[in-house]
């Protein structure tokens, strides 16, 4: 049981980090799109 709990926590942290990375990529894409849009507006 002591092995399963840390593994579960590590898996959760990995999943959370993946979500954060995806969110950052989306945010950067949106900012780039906004900059592009305003430049040509």
PDB file of N, CA and C in Angstrom:
ATOM      1  N   UNK A   1       0.829  -1.209   0.000  1.00  0.00           N
ATOM      2  CA  UNK A   1       0.000   0.000   0.000  1.00  0.00           C
ATOM      3  C   UNK A   1       0.865   1.261   0.000  1.00  0.00           C
ATOM      4  N   UNK A   2       1.978   1.180   0.681  1.00  0.00           N
ATOM      5  CA  UNK A   2       2.828   2.384   0.735  1.00  0.00           C
ATOM      6  C   UNK A   2       3.426   2.719  -0.624  1.00  0.00           C
ATOM      7  N   UNK A   3       3.537   1.708  -1.483  1.00  0.00           N
ATOM      8  CA  UNK A   3       4.078   1.970  -2.824  1.00  0.00           C
ATOM      9  C   UNK A   3       3.023   2.614  -3.707  1.00  0.00           C
ATOM     10  N   UNK A   4       1.776   2.178  -3.546  1.00  0.00           N
ATOM     11  CA  UNK A   4       0.710   2.632  -4.438  1.00  0.00           C
ATOM     12  C   UNK A   4       0.391   4.116  -4.227  1.00  0.00           C
ATOM     13  N   UNK A   5       0.438   4.571  -2.982  1.00  0.00           N
ATOM     14  CA  UNK A   5       0.028   5.958  -2.716  1.00  0.00           C
ATOM     15  C   UNK A   5       0.986   6.958  -3.358  1.00  0.00           C
ATOM     16  N   UNK A   6       2.320   6.851  -3.137  1.00  0.00           N
ATOM     17  CA  UNK A   6       3.220   7.790  -3.813  1.00  0.00           C
ATOM     18  C   UNK A   6       3.110   7.710  -5.337  1.00  0.00           C
ATOM     19  N   UNK A   7       2.957   6.485  -5.883  1.00  0.00           N
ATOM     20  CA  UNK A   7       2.801   6.359  -7.336  1.00  0.00           C
ATOM     21  C   UNK A   7       1.567   7.119  -7.806  1.00  0.00           C
ATOM     22  N   UNK A   8       0.482   7.002  -7.049  1.00  0.00           N
ATOM     23  CA  UNK A   8      -0.748   7.699  -7.415  1.00  0.00           C
ATOM     24  C   UNK A   8      -0.529   9.210  -7.387  1.00  0.00           C
ATOM     25  N   UNK A   9       0.175   9.686  -6.358  1.00  0.00           N
ATOM     26  CA  UNK A   9       0.433  11.127  -6.244  1.00  0.00           C
ATOM     27  C   UNK A   9       1.311  11.592  -7.405  1.00  0.00           C
ATOM     28  N   UNK A  10       2.328  10.806  -7.732  1.00  0.00           N
ATOM     29  CA  UNK A  10       3.215  11.174  -8.849  1.00  0.00           C
ATOM     30  C   UNK A  10       2.425  11.226 -10.147  1.00  0.00           C
ATOM     31  N   UNK A  11       1.543  10.238 -10.364  1.00  0.00           N
ATOM     32  CA  UNK A  11       0.719  10.240 -11.574  1.00  0.00           C
ATOM     33  C   UNK A  11      -0.158  11.489 -11.636  1.00  0.00           C
ATOM     34  N   UNK A  12      -0.739  11.874 -10.496  1.00  0.00           N
ATOM     35  CA  UNK A  12      -1.575  13.072 -10.461  1.00  0.00           C
ATOM     36  C   UNK A  12      -0.753  14.311 -10.796  1.00  0.00           C
ATOM     37  N   UNK A  13       0.449  14.386 -10.234  1.00  0.00           N
ATOM     38  CA  UNK A  13       1.292  15.549 -10.490  1.00  0.00           C
ATOM     39  C   UNK A  13       1.697  15.606 -11.955  1.00  0.00           C
ATOM     40  N   UNK A  14       2.000  14.435 -12.538  1.00  0.00           N
ATOM     41  CA  UNK A  14       2.355  14.407 -13.962  1.00  0.00           C
ATOM     42  C   UNK A  14       1.182  14.865 -14.813  1.00  0.00           C
ATOM     43  N   UNK A  15      -0.012  14.353 -14.499  1.00  0.00           N
ATOM     44  CA  UNK A  15      -1.195  14.753 -15.251  1.00  0.00           C
ATOM     45  C   UNK A  15      -1.448  16.244 -15.126  1.00  0.00           C
ATOM     46  N   UNK A  16      -1.258  16.776 -13.910  1.00  0.00           N
ATOM     47  CA  UNK A  16      -1.483  18.196 -13.687  1.00  0.00           C
ATOM     48  C   UNK A  16      -0.478  19.027 -14.484  1.00  0.00           C
ATOM     49  N   UNK A  17       0.790  18.592 -14.501  1.00  0.00           N
ATOM     50  CA  UNK A  17       1.807  19.319 -15.254  1.00  0.00           C
ATOM     51  C   UNK A  17       1.493  19.316 -16.742  1.00  0.00           C
ATOM     52  N   UNK A  18       0.981  18.177 -17.247  1.00  0.00           N
ATOM     53  CA  UNK A  18       0.609  18.117 -18.659  1.00  0.00           C
ATOM     54  C   UNK A  18      -0.502  19.119 -18.964  1.00  0.00           C
ATOM     55  N   UNK A  19      -1.500  19.212 -18.066  1.00  0.00           N
ATOM     56  CA  UNK A  19      -2.591  20.167 -18.258  1.00  0.00           C
ATOM     57  C   UNK A  19      -2.056  21.593 -18.264  1.00  0.00           C
ATOM     58  N   UNK A  20      -1.118  21.884 -17.347  1.00  0.00           N
ATOM     59  CA  UNK A  20      -0.550  23.236 -17.271  1.00  0.00           C
ATOM     60  C   UNK A  20       0.184  23.567 -18.563  1.00  0.00           C
ATOM     61  N   UNK A  21       0.956  22.608 -19.077  1.00  0.00           N
ATOM     62  CA  UNK A  21       1.700  22.841 -20.320  1.00  0.00           C
ATOM     63  C   UNK A  21       0.737  23.094 -21.470  1.00  0.00           C
ATOM     64  N   UNK A  22      -0.321  22.279 -21.552  1.00  0.00           N
ATOM     65  CA  UNK A  22      -1.305  22.468 -22.615  1.00  0.00           C
ATOM     66  C   UNK A  22      -1.961  23.841 -22.503  1.00  0.00           C
ATOM     67  N   UNK A  23      -2.294  24.237 -21.257  1.00  0.00           N
ATOM     68  CA  UNK A  23      -2.936  25.523 -21.043  1.00  0.00           C
ATOM     69  C   UNK A  23      -2.004  26.662 -21.471  1.00  0.00           C
ATOM     70  N   UNK A  24      -0.717  26.556 -21.118  1.00  0.00           N
ATOM     71  CA  UNK A  24       0.253  27.590 -21.508  1.00  0.00           C
ATOM     72  C   UNK A  24       0.357  27.681 -23.031  1.00  0.00           C
ATOM     73  N   UNK A  25       0.382  26.524 -23.713  1.00  0.00           N
ATOM     74  CA  UNK A  25       0.465  26.533 -25.174  1.00  0.00           C
ATOM     75  C   UNK A  25      -0.761  27.216 -25.769  1.00  0.00           C
ATOM     76  N   UNK A  26      -1.948  26.893 -25.234  1.00  0.00           N
ATOM     77  CA  UNK A  26      -3.178  27.513 -25.749  1.00  0.00           C
ATOM     78  C   UNK A  26      -3.148  29.020 -25.507  1.00  0.00           C
ATOM     79  N   UNK A  27      -2.679  29.427 -24.322  1.00  0.00           N
ATOM     80  CA  UNK A  27      -2.640  30.854 -23.991  1.00  0.00           C
ATOM     81  C   UNK A  27      -1.683  31.579 -24.933  1.00  0.00           C
ATOM     82  N   UNK A  28      -0.521  30.985 -25.187  1.00  0.00           N
ATOM     83  CA  UNK A  28       0.441  31.610 -26.082  1.00  0.00           C
ATOM     84  C   UNK A  28      -0.126  31.693 -27.495  1.00  0.00           C
ATOM     85  N   UNK A  29      -0.835  30.650 -27.921  1.00  0.00           N
ATOM     86  CA  UNK A  29      -1.443  30.658 -29.250  1.00  0.00           C
ATOM     87  C   UNK A  29      -2.488  31.763 -29.346  1.00  0.00           C
ATOM     88  N   UNK A  30      -3.307  31.903 -28.300  1.00  0.00           N
ATOM     89  CA  UNK A  30      -4.323  32.946 -28.295  1.00  0.00           C
ATOM     90  C   UNK A  30      -3.685  34.331 -28.327  1.00  0.00           C
ATOM     91  N   UNK A  31      -2.628  34.512 -27.547  1.00  0.00           N
ATOM     92  CA  UNK A  31      -1.961  35.817 -27.533  1.00  0.00           C
ATOM     93  C   UNK A  31      -1.362  36.134 -28.896  1.00  0.00           C
ATOM     94  N   UNK A  32      -0.769  35.129 -29.542  1.00  0.00           N
ATOM     95  CA  UNK A  32      -0.204  35.331 -30.872  1.00  0.00           C
ATOM     96  C   UNK A  32      -1.305  35.680 -31.866  1.00  0.00           C
ATOM     97  N   UNK A  33      -2.446  34.996 -31.770  1.00  0.00           N
ATOM     98  CA  UNK A  33      -3.567  35.268 -32.666  1.00  0.00           C
ATOM     99  C   UNK A  33      -4.096  36.676 -32.435  1.00  0.00           C
ATOM    100  N   UNK A  34      -4.197  37.090 -31.176  1.00  0.00           N
ATOM    101  CA  UNK A  34      -4.668  38.437 -30.871  1.00  0.00           C
ATOM    102  C   UNK A  34      -3.704  39.478 -31.421  1.00  0.00           C
ATOM    103  N   UNK A  35      -2.416  39.265 -31.229  1.00  0.00           N
ATOM    104  CA  UNK A  35      -1.417  40.214 -31.732  1.00  0.00           C
ATOM    105  C   UNK A  35      -1.515  40.311 -33.255  1.00  0.00           C
ATOM    106  N   UNK A  36      -1.678  39.171 -33.905  1.00  0.00           N
ATOM    107  CA  UNK A  36      -1.795  39.140 -35.360  1.00  0.00           C
ATOM    108  C   UNK A  36      -3.055  39.885 -35.790  1.00  0.00           C
ATOM    109  N   UNK A  37      -4.156  39.651 -35.081  1.00  0.00           N
ATOM    110  CA  UNK A  37      -5.434  40.277 -35.438  1.00  0.00           C
ATOM    111  C   UNK A  37      -5.344  41.797 -35.276  1.00  0.00           C
ATOM    112  N   UNK A  38      -4.796  42.246 -34.150  1.00  0.00           N
ATOM    113  CA  UNK A  38      -4.754  43.690 -33.898  1.00  0.00           C
ATOM    114  C   UNK A  38      -3.794  44.386 -34.847  1.00  0.00           C
ATOM    115  N   UNK A  39      -2.748  43.685 -35.271  1.00  0.00           N
ATOM    116  CA  UNK A  39      -1.800  44.287 -36.191  1.00  0.00           C
ATOM    117  C   UNK A  39      -2.470  44.579 -37.529  1.00  0.00           C
ATOM    118  N   UNK A  40      -3.409  43.714 -37.921  1.00  0.00           N
ATOM    119  CA  UNK A  40      -4.046  43.849 -39.233  1.00  0.00           C
ATOM    120  C   UNK A  40      -5.435  44.480 -39.153  1.00  0.00           C
ATOM    121  N   UNK A  41      -5.847  44.838 -37.947  1.00  0.00           N
ATOM    122  CA  UNK A  41      -7.183  45.403 -37.800  1.00  0.00           C
ATOM    123  C   UNK A  41      -7.210  46.819 -38.377  1.00  0.00           C
TER     124      UNK A  41
END
